[in-house]
Amino acid sequence: MGLSPKKDLKSRNQTWIDIDDRLQSVINFVGDSATIKLSEYPTLSKAEIISEAEKNNYTVLDKNDGYLVFS
């Protein structure tokens, strides 16, 4: 027995709902944080994600590595 052939992978194209669900499910206490991979949100710009998050009282850390950390 061996491995099955790798299946065709789909690109992720997540939305505001996905970001909101992630933040709401992960950030529950002081000191909690959540990280998103920007490439999973190709229809949303980094600037607009950061702006919307800050408008809703999140702190956003952008290390310019393709990820955003919310707290």
N, C-alpha and C. Protein backbone atom coordinates (compact mmCIF):
# COMPACT_ATOMS: atom_id res chain seq x y z
N MET A 1 0.86 -1.18 0.00
CA MET A 1 0.00 0.00 0.00
C MET A 1 0.89 1.23 0.00
N GLY A 2 0.50 2.23 -0.68
CA GLY A 2 1.26 3.48 -0.74
C GLY A 2 0.31 4.65 -0.60
N LEU A 3 0.79 5.78 -0.98
CA LEU A 3 -0.03 6.99 -0.92
C LEU A 3 -0.93 7.09 -2.14
N SER A 4 -2.07 7.70 -1.94
CA SER A 4 -2.94 8.03 -3.06
C SER A 4 -2.38 9.26 -3.75
N PRO A 5 -2.66 9.43 -5.03
CA PRO A 5 -2.20 10.64 -5.71
C PRO A 5 -2.77 11.89 -5.05
N LYS A 6 -1.98 12.93 -5.04
CA LYS A 6 -2.43 14.19 -4.45
C LYS A 6 -3.62 14.71 -5.26
N LYS A 7 -4.67 15.09 -4.56
CA LYS A 7 -5.85 15.60 -5.25
C LYS A 7 -5.64 17.05 -5.64
N ASP A 8 -6.44 17.49 -6.61
CA ASP A 8 -6.37 18.90 -7.01
C ASP A 8 -6.83 19.77 -5.85
N LEU A 9 -6.05 20.76 -5.54
CA LEU A 9 -6.37 21.65 -4.43
C LEU A 9 -7.09 22.89 -4.93
N LYS A 10 -7.99 23.37 -4.13
CA LYS A 10 -8.73 24.60 -4.44
C LYS A 10 -8.05 25.77 -3.76
N SER A 11 -8.16 26.93 -4.36
CA SER A 11 -7.67 28.15 -3.72
C SER A 11 -8.72 28.61 -2.72
N ARG A 12 -8.25 29.12 -1.60
CA ARG A 12 -9.19 29.66 -0.63
C ARG A 12 -9.54 31.07 -1.04
N ASN A 13 -10.80 31.37 -0.95
CA ASN A 13 -11.27 32.72 -1.24
C ASN A 13 -12.28 33.07 -0.15
N GLN A 14 -11.74 33.37 1.00
CA GLN A 14 -12.59 33.63 2.15
C GLN A 14 -13.08 35.07 2.15
N THR A 15 -14.04 35.35 3.00
CA THR A 15 -14.71 36.66 3.01
C THR A 15 -14.69 37.27 4.40
N TRP A 16 -15.37 38.41 4.53
CA TRP A 16 -15.49 39.07 5.83
C TRP A 16 -16.13 38.15 6.85
N ILE A 17 -17.07 37.34 6.43
CA ILE A 17 -17.74 36.42 7.35
C ILE A 17 -16.73 35.45 7.95
N ASP A 18 -15.80 34.96 7.14
CA ASP A 18 -14.77 34.03 7.63
C ASP A 18 -13.84 34.70 8.64
N ILE A 19 -13.44 35.94 8.35
CA ILE A 19 -12.59 36.67 9.29
C ILE A 19 -13.34 36.89 10.60
N ASP A 20 -14.57 37.35 10.50
CA ASP A 20 -15.36 37.62 11.70
C ASP A 20 -15.57 36.34 12.52
N ASP A 21 -15.92 35.25 11.86
CA ASP A 21 -16.10 33.98 12.57
C ASP A 21 -14.83 33.57 13.30
N ARG A 22 -13.69 33.71 12.64
CA ARG A 22 -12.41 33.34 13.26
C ARG A 22 -12.12 34.21 14.48
N LEU A 23 -12.27 35.52 14.33
CA LEU A 23 -11.98 36.42 15.45
C LEU A 23 -12.93 36.18 16.61
N GLN A 24 -14.21 36.00 16.31
CA GLN A 24 -15.19 35.79 17.37
C GLN A 24 -14.99 34.46 18.10
N SER A 25 -14.50 33.45 17.39
CA SER A 25 -14.33 32.15 18.04
C SER A 25 -13.01 32.02 18.79
N VAL A 26 -12.00 32.80 18.41
CA VAL A 26 -10.67 32.65 19.02
C VAL A 26 -10.39 33.69 20.09
N ILE A 27 -10.83 34.92 19.88
CA ILE A 27 -10.50 35.99 20.83
C ILE A 27 -11.63 36.13 21.84
N ASN A 28 -11.39 35.61 23.04
CA ASN A 28 -12.40 35.64 24.09
C ASN A 28 -11.92 36.29 25.38
N PHE A 29 -10.61 36.37 25.56
CA PHE A 29 -10.05 36.88 26.81
C PHE A 29 -8.91 37.84 26.50
N VAL A 30 -8.61 38.71 27.46
CA VAL A 30 -7.47 39.62 27.33
C VAL A 30 -6.23 38.79 27.04
N GLY A 31 -5.48 39.18 26.04
CA GLY A 31 -4.26 38.47 25.68
C GLY A 31 -4.43 37.46 24.57
N ASP A 32 -5.68 37.13 24.20
CA ASP A 32 -5.90 36.20 23.09
C ASP A 32 -5.57 36.89 21.78
N SER A 33 -5.18 36.11 20.79
CA SER A 33 -4.92 36.65 19.47
C SER A 33 -5.30 35.62 18.40
N ALA A 34 -5.52 36.12 17.21
CA ALA A 34 -5.85 35.27 16.07
C ALA A 34 -5.03 35.75 14.88
N THR A 35 -4.60 34.82 14.05
CA THR A 35 -3.78 35.14 12.90
C THR A 35 -4.49 34.70 11.62
N ILE A 36 -4.44 35.55 10.60
CA ILE A 36 -4.98 35.16 9.30
C ILE A 36 -3.87 35.27 8.25
N LYS A 37 -3.98 34.45 7.24
CA LYS A 37 -3.05 34.47 6.12
C LYS A 37 -3.69 35.30 5.00
N LEU A 38 -3.06 36.39 4.63
CA LEU A 38 -3.65 37.31 3.66
C LEU A 38 -3.96 36.66 2.32
N SER A 39 -3.18 35.69 1.90
CA SER A 39 -3.40 35.06 0.60
C SER A 39 -4.72 34.28 0.56
N GLU A 40 -5.31 34.01 1.72
CA GLU A 40 -6.59 33.32 1.76
C GLU A 40 -7.76 34.28 1.55
N TYR A 41 -7.46 35.57 1.41
CA TYR A 41 -8.48 36.60 1.24
C TYR A 41 -8.13 37.47 0.03
N PRO A 42 -8.05 36.87 -1.17
CA PRO A 42 -7.58 37.63 -2.34
C PRO A 42 -8.50 38.76 -2.77
N THR A 43 -9.76 38.74 -2.38
CA THR A 43 -10.67 39.82 -2.77
C THR A 43 -10.65 40.99 -1.80
N LEU A 44 -9.92 40.83 -0.68
CA LEU A 44 -9.83 41.90 0.32
C LEU A 44 -8.40 42.41 0.40
N SER A 45 -8.23 43.72 0.42
CA SER A 45 -6.87 44.27 0.52
C SER A 45 -6.43 44.29 1.99
N LYS A 46 -5.13 44.25 2.18
CA LYS A 46 -4.59 44.31 3.54
C LYS A 46 -5.03 45.59 4.23
N ALA A 47 -4.97 46.70 3.52
CA ALA A 47 -5.36 47.99 4.11
C ALA A 47 -6.81 48.00 4.54
N GLU A 48 -7.69 47.41 3.74
CA GLU A 48 -9.11 47.44 4.10
C GLU A 48 -9.39 46.49 5.27
N ILE A 49 -8.68 45.39 5.37
CA ILE A 49 -8.85 44.47 6.51
C ILE A 49 -8.39 45.17 7.79
N ILE A 50 -7.23 45.80 7.74
CA ILE A 50 -6.70 46.50 8.91
C ILE A 50 -7.64 47.64 9.33
N SER A 51 -8.09 48.42 8.37
CA SER A 51 -8.98 49.54 8.66
C SER A 51 -10.27 49.07 9.32
N GLU A 52 -10.87 48.04 8.78
CA GLU A 52 -12.13 47.52 9.34
C GLU A 52 -11.92 46.96 10.75
N ALA A 53 -10.80 46.26 10.95
CA ALA A 53 -10.50 45.69 12.27
C ALA A 53 -10.30 46.79 13.31
N GLU A 54 -9.51 47.79 12.96
CA GLU A 54 -9.25 48.88 13.90
C GLU A 54 -10.51 49.67 14.20
N LYS A 55 -11.37 49.82 13.20
CA LYS A 55 -12.65 50.51 13.39
C LYS A 55 -13.52 49.76 14.40
N ASN A 56 -13.30 48.46 14.52
CA ASN A 56 -14.09 47.63 15.43
C ASN A 56 -13.29 47.22 16.67
N ASN A 57 -12.32 48.07 17.04
CA ASN A 57 -11.56 47.97 18.28
C ASN A 57 -10.58 46.80 18.38
N TYR A 58 -10.18 46.23 17.26
CA TYR A 58 -9.11 45.23 17.27
C TYR A 58 -7.77 45.93 17.11
N THR A 59 -6.75 45.36 17.68
CA THR A 59 -5.39 45.79 17.43
C THR A 59 -4.83 44.83 16.39
N VAL A 60 -4.18 45.37 15.35
CA VAL A 60 -3.68 44.54 14.27
C VAL A 60 -2.17 44.71 14.17
N LEU A 61 -1.47 43.59 14.17
CA LEU A 61 -0.02 43.59 14.00
C LEU A 61 0.29 43.06 12.61
N ASP A 62 0.99 43.86 11.82
CA ASP A 62 1.38 43.48 10.46
C ASP A 62 2.90 43.42 10.41
N LYS A 63 3.44 42.22 10.36
CA LYS A 63 4.89 42.06 10.29
C LYS A 63 5.39 42.00 8.85
N ASN A 64 4.49 42.26 7.89
CA ASN A 64 4.81 42.22 6.46
C ASN A 64 5.34 40.86 6.03
N ASP A 65 4.79 39.78 6.60
CA ASP A 65 5.19 38.43 6.21
C ASP A 65 4.03 37.66 5.58
N GLY A 66 2.95 38.40 5.22
CA GLY A 66 1.80 37.75 4.62
C GLY A 66 0.73 37.35 5.61
N TYR A 67 0.94 37.69 6.88
CA TYR A 67 -0.02 37.35 7.93
C TYR A 67 -0.38 38.61 8.72
N LEU A 68 -1.59 38.63 9.27
CA LEU A 68 -2.00 39.69 10.17
C LEU A 68 -2.39 39.03 11.49
N VAL A 69 -1.97 39.64 12.59
CA VAL A 69 -2.29 39.13 13.93
C VAL A 69 -3.25 40.12 14.59
N PHE A 70 -4.39 39.62 15.02
CA PHE A 70 -5.42 40.43 15.65
C PHE A 70 -5.47 40.15 17.15
N SER A 71 -5.70 41.18 17.93
CA SER A 71 -5.90 40.99 19.37
C SER A 71 -6.88 42.04 19.86
